[in-house]
Amino acid sequence: MSFASFGDFLAMGHHGVYVWSAYGICLAVLGLNVALPIMARRRYLQQEARRLRRENSK
């Protein structure tokens, strides 16, 4: 498949909105699959550190 211009490539034969939104959603889901576990681990470690500080201060 060849395109006459970059604008034609982005338009994808009038299906560009669907094609590029599908790519965007896919990238967003992949980004969340990476970011959410990292954030959950950080939150867990912070909670454990607080719990240990509370236990040691008693």
N, C-alpha and C. Protein backbone atom coordinates (compact mmCIF):
# COMPACT_ATOMS: atom_id res chain seq x y z
N MET A 1 0.84 -1.17 0.00
CA MET A 1 0.00 0.00 0.00
C MET A 1 0.89 1.24 0.00
N SER A 2 0.65 2.13 -0.92
CA SER A 2 1.43 3.36 -0.98
C SER A 2 0.49 4.56 -0.91
N PHE A 3 1.01 5.64 -0.41
CA PHE A 3 0.23 6.86 -0.23
C PHE A 3 0.91 7.99 -0.99
N ALA A 4 0.11 8.89 -1.53
CA ALA A 4 0.64 10.00 -2.32
C ALA A 4 1.28 11.06 -1.42
N SER A 5 0.79 11.19 -0.19
CA SER A 5 1.33 12.20 0.70
C SER A 5 1.18 11.72 2.15
N PHE A 6 1.80 12.47 3.03
CA PHE A 6 1.70 12.13 4.46
C PHE A 6 0.26 12.33 4.95
N GLY A 7 -0.43 13.31 4.41
CA GLY A 7 -1.84 13.52 4.75
C GLY A 7 -2.71 12.34 4.36
N ASP A 8 -2.43 11.77 3.19
CA ASP A 8 -3.16 10.56 2.77
C ASP A 8 -2.84 9.39 3.70
N PHE A 9 -1.60 9.31 4.12
CA PHE A 9 -1.22 8.25 5.06
C PHE A 9 -2.01 8.39 6.37
N LEU A 10 -2.11 9.62 6.89
CA LEU A 10 -2.85 9.83 8.14
C LEU A 10 -4.34 9.58 7.95
N ALA A 11 -4.88 9.90 6.78
CA ALA A 11 -6.30 9.70 6.52
C ALA A 11 -6.64 8.23 6.31
N MET A 12 -5.71 7.45 5.85
CA MET A 12 -5.89 6.01 5.63
C MET A 12 -7.17 5.70 4.85
N GLY A 13 -7.38 6.42 3.78
CA GLY A 13 -8.56 6.18 2.96
C GLY A 13 -9.85 6.43 3.72
N HIS A 14 -9.90 7.49 4.48
CA HIS A 14 -11.05 7.91 5.30
C HIS A 14 -11.30 7.00 6.50
N HIS A 15 -10.38 6.11 6.80
CA HIS A 15 -10.50 5.25 7.98
C HIS A 15 -9.47 5.63 9.04
N GLY A 16 -8.79 6.72 8.85
CA GLY A 16 -7.71 7.13 9.74
C GLY A 16 -8.15 7.34 11.18
N VAL A 17 -9.33 7.89 11.37
CA VAL A 17 -9.82 8.12 12.74
C VAL A 17 -9.89 6.81 13.50
N TYR A 18 -10.40 5.78 12.86
CA TYR A 18 -10.56 4.49 13.52
C TYR A 18 -9.21 3.80 13.71
N VAL A 19 -8.38 3.86 12.68
CA VAL A 19 -7.06 3.22 12.75
C VAL A 19 -6.21 3.86 13.84
N TRP A 20 -6.11 5.19 13.83
CA TRP A 20 -5.24 5.86 14.79
C TRP A 20 -5.81 5.83 16.20
N SER A 21 -7.14 5.84 16.34
CA SER A 21 -7.71 5.72 17.68
C SER A 21 -7.46 4.31 18.23
N ALA A 22 -7.50 3.30 17.38
CA ALA A 22 -7.20 1.93 17.83
C ALA A 22 -5.74 1.84 18.29
N TYR A 23 -4.83 2.44 17.54
CA TYR A 23 -3.43 2.47 17.97
C TYR A 23 -3.28 3.21 19.29
N GLY A 24 -3.97 4.33 19.43
CA GLY A 24 -3.88 5.11 20.66
C GLY A 24 -4.41 4.35 21.85
N ILE A 25 -5.54 3.68 21.70
CA ILE A 25 -6.11 2.89 22.80
C ILE A 25 -5.17 1.76 23.17
N CYS A 26 -4.61 1.10 22.16
CA CYS A 26 -3.66 0.01 22.41
C CYS A 26 -2.45 0.51 23.19
N LEU A 27 -1.88 1.63 22.79
CA LEU A 27 -0.72 2.18 23.49
C LEU A 27 -1.08 2.60 24.91
N ALA A 28 -2.29 3.14 25.09
CA ALA A 28 -2.73 3.53 26.44
C ALA A 28 -2.86 2.31 27.34
N VAL A 29 -3.43 1.23 26.84
CA VAL A 29 -3.57 0.00 27.63
C VAL A 29 -2.20 -0.58 27.96
N LEU A 30 -1.30 -0.60 26.99
CA LEU A 30 0.04 -1.10 27.25
C LEU A 30 0.75 -0.24 28.29
N GLY A 31 0.59 1.07 28.19
CA GLY A 31 1.19 1.97 29.17
C GLY A 31 0.64 1.73 30.56
N LEU A 32 -0.67 1.53 30.66
CA LEU A 32 -1.28 1.24 31.97
C LEU A 32 -0.80 -0.10 32.52
N ASN A 33 -0.61 -1.09 31.64
CA ASN A 33 -0.12 -2.40 32.08
C ASN A 33 1.30 -2.31 32.64
N VAL A 34 2.04 -1.31 32.26
CA VAL A 34 3.38 -1.09 32.81
C VAL A 34 3.31 -0.22 34.05
N ALA A 35 2.56 0.87 33.98
CA ALA A 35 2.56 1.87 35.05
C ALA A 35 1.82 1.41 36.31
N LEU A 36 0.68 0.76 36.17
CA LEU A 36 -0.12 0.41 37.35
C LEU A 36 0.59 -0.54 38.32
N PRO A 37 1.25 -1.60 37.85
CA PRO A 37 1.98 -2.45 38.80
C PRO A 37 3.13 -1.72 39.49
N ILE A 38 3.79 -0.83 38.78
CA ILE A 38 4.88 -0.05 39.39
C ILE A 38 4.32 0.83 40.49
N MET A 39 3.20 1.50 40.20
CA MET A 39 2.58 2.36 41.20
C MET A 39 2.06 1.56 42.39
N ALA A 40 1.49 0.38 42.13
CA ALA A 40 0.97 -0.46 43.22
C ALA A 40 2.12 -0.95 44.10
N ARG A 41 3.24 -1.31 43.51
CA ARG A 41 4.40 -1.76 44.29
C ARG A 41 4.92 -0.63 45.17
N ARG A 42 5.01 0.56 44.61
CA ARG A 42 5.48 1.72 45.37
C ARG A 42 4.53 2.00 46.55
N ARG A 43 3.23 1.94 46.28
CA ARG A 43 2.24 2.18 47.33
C ARG A 43 2.35 1.10 48.43
N TYR A 44 2.53 -0.16 48.03
CA TYR A 44 2.68 -1.26 48.99
C TYR A 44 3.92 -1.05 49.86
N LEU A 45 5.04 -0.68 49.24
CA LEU A 45 6.27 -0.48 50.01
C LEU A 45 6.13 0.68 50.98
N GLN A 46 5.44 1.74 50.58
CA GLN A 46 5.21 2.87 51.48
C GLN A 46 4.33 2.46 52.65
N GLN A 47 3.30 1.67 52.39
CA GLN A 47 2.42 1.20 53.46
C GLN A 47 3.18 0.31 54.44
N GLU A 48 4.03 -0.56 53.92
CA GLU A 48 4.80 -1.45 54.79
C GLU A 48 5.80 -0.66 55.63
N ALA A 49 6.41 0.36 55.03
CA ALA A 49 7.35 1.19 55.79
C ALA A 49 6.63 1.91 56.91
N ARG A 50 5.42 2.43 56.64
CA ARG A 50 4.63 3.08 57.70
C ARG A 50 4.25 2.09 58.79
N ARG A 51 3.86 0.88 58.39
CA ARG A 51 3.48 -0.14 59.36
C ARG A 51 4.66 -0.51 60.25
N LEU A 52 5.84 -0.66 59.66
CA LEU A 52 7.03 -1.00 60.44
C LEU A 52 7.41 0.13 61.39
N ARG A 53 7.29 1.37 60.94
CA ARG A 53 7.57 2.50 61.83
C ARG A 53 6.61 2.54 63.01
N ARG A 54 5.32 2.25 62.74
CA ARG A 54 4.34 2.21 63.83
C ARG A 54 4.66 1.10 64.83
N GLU A 55 5.04 -0.08 64.32
CA GLU A 55 5.35 -1.20 65.20
C GLU A 55 6.61 -0.93 66.03
N ASN A 56 7.60 -0.27 65.44
CA ASN A 56 8.85 0.01 66.15
C ASN A 56 8.69 1.12 67.17
N SER A 57 7.71 1.99 66.97
CA SER A 57 7.55 3.11 67.92
C SER A 57 6.76 2.71 69.16
N LYS A 58 6.17 1.55 69.16
CA LYS A 58 5.38 1.10 70.33
C LYS A 58 6.24 0.58 71.43
